[in-house]
Protein backbone atom coordinates (compact mmCIF):
# COMPACT_ATOMS: atom_id res chain seq x y z
CA MET A 1 -94.24 -3.71 -56.48
CA ILE A 2 -92.49 -6.08 -58.80
CA VAL A 3 -88.99 -5.19 -60.00
CA TYR A 4 -88.05 -5.96 -63.60
CA TRP A 5 -84.66 -5.54 -65.26
CA SER A 6 -84.50 -4.10 -68.77
CA GLU A 7 -82.28 -5.74 -71.35
CA GLN A 8 -79.92 -2.75 -71.06
CA ALA A 9 -79.66 -3.14 -67.28
CA LEU A 10 -78.96 -6.86 -67.61
CA ASN A 11 -76.27 -6.13 -70.20
CA ASP A 12 -74.76 -3.48 -67.93
CA SER A 13 -74.68 -5.92 -65.03
CA GLN A 14 -73.02 -8.58 -67.18
CA GLN A 15 -70.37 -6.15 -68.47
CA ILE A 16 -69.58 -4.95 -64.95
CA TRP A 17 -69.33 -8.57 -63.78
CA GLU A 18 -66.98 -9.53 -66.63
CA TYR A 19 -64.75 -6.53 -65.96
CA LEU A 20 -64.55 -7.05 -62.21
CA VAL A 21 -64.26 -10.83 -62.14
CA GLU A 22 -60.99 -10.66 -64.10
CA LYS A 23 -59.50 -8.16 -61.67
CA ASN A 24 -61.01 -9.30 -58.38
CA PRO A 25 -63.56 -12.13 -58.24
CA ASP A 26 -64.56 -11.28 -54.65
CA ALA A 27 -65.29 -7.69 -55.67
CA ALA A 28 -67.41 -8.94 -58.57
CA VAL A 29 -69.53 -11.06 -56.22
CA LYS A 30 -69.87 -8.20 -53.73
CA MET A 31 -70.90 -5.72 -56.44
CA ASP A 32 -73.46 -8.13 -57.86
CA GLU A 33 -74.91 -8.60 -54.36
CA LEU A 34 -75.13 -4.82 -53.91
CA PHE A 35 -76.95 -4.40 -57.23
CA GLN A 36 -79.41 -7.17 -56.39
CA ALA A 37 -80.05 -5.88 -52.86
CA SER A 38 -80.72 -2.35 -54.13
CA ALA A 39 -83.16 -3.62 -56.74
CA GLU A 40 -84.94 -5.80 -54.17
CA ARG A 41 -85.38 -2.83 -51.79
CA LEU A 42 -87.08 -0.92 -54.59
CA ALA A 43 -89.95 -3.42 -54.48
CA ASP A 44 -90.89 -2.12 -51.02
CA PHE A 45 -89.51 1.41 -51.23
CA PRO A 46 -89.78 2.51 -54.87
CA TYR A 47 -89.38 6.21 -54.04
CA MET A 48 -86.20 5.78 -51.99
CA GLY A 49 -84.05 7.06 -54.85
CA HIS A 50 -83.77 10.68 -55.88
CA GLU A 51 -85.18 12.07 -59.12
CA GLY A 52 -82.99 11.25 -62.08
CA ASP A 53 -81.55 13.53 -64.73
CA ILE A 54 -84.16 12.30 -67.22
CA ALA A 55 -87.82 13.07 -66.45
CA GLY A 56 -89.61 10.09 -64.96
CA THR A 57 -86.47 8.31 -63.80
CA ARG A 58 -85.06 7.85 -60.33
CA GLU A 59 -81.59 6.83 -59.14
CA VAL A 60 -80.02 5.00 -56.24
CA PHE A 61 -76.36 4.33 -55.55
CA PRO A 62 -75.79 0.68 -54.65
CA HIS A 63 -72.08 1.56 -54.50
CA GLU A 64 -70.32 4.91 -54.55
CA ASN A 65 -69.13 4.20 -58.10
CA TYR A 66 -72.41 3.02 -59.63
CA ARG A 67 -75.87 4.46 -60.22
CA LEU A 68 -78.87 2.20 -60.61
CA ILE A 69 -81.34 4.07 -62.79
CA TYR A 70 -84.98 3.07 -62.70
CA GLU A 71 -88.52 4.17 -63.39
CA ILE A 72 -91.85 3.40 -61.79
CA LEU A 73 -94.59 2.32 -64.18
CA SER A 74 -97.98 1.49 -62.63
CA ASP A 75 -97.21 -1.07 -59.93
CA ASN A 76 -93.84 -2.06 -61.35
CA VAL A 77 -90.27 -0.85 -61.02
CA TRP A 78 -88.10 -1.11 -64.12
CA VAL A 79 -84.33 -1.06 -63.66
CA LEU A 80 -83.17 0.74 -66.78
CA ALA A 81 -79.39 0.84 -66.42
CA LEU A 82 -76.37 0.44 -64.19
CA VAL A 83 -73.97 3.27 -64.90
CA HIS A 84 -70.51 4.02 -63.55
CA THR A 85 -70.48 7.48 -62.02
CA SER A 86 -67.82 8.58 -64.50
CA GLN A 87 -70.14 7.80 -67.44
CA LEU A 88 -73.00 9.78 -68.95
CA TRP A 89 -76.55 8.49 -69.02
CA PRO A 90 -78.39 8.24 -71.23
CA ARG A 91 -75.56 7.04 -73.39
CA MET A 92 -75.08 9.06 -76.53
CA ASN A 93 -75.09 7.03 -79.74
CA ALA A 94 -72.08 7.59 -81.96
CA GLY A 95 -72.62 8.87 -85.43
């Protein structure tokens, strides 16, 4: 399968990077490597994650503090979001 990243997932990854790189650049690199490795494994093992809270989604934990949320569509895996375990997903829109 081919793994694609949604715009939301790419934005999440960038925000996590920006937050971590200010505090600990080594941790930012390590976290980015964990995210990439988890996504790459999904190409060969798309069902390795457990069923997500939203129908049709699945989740893996590249790190104890982050969920990688994805869905399988045909022969493709779509990474939908990277979410800190303290946050809700899907995100609720204000207003």
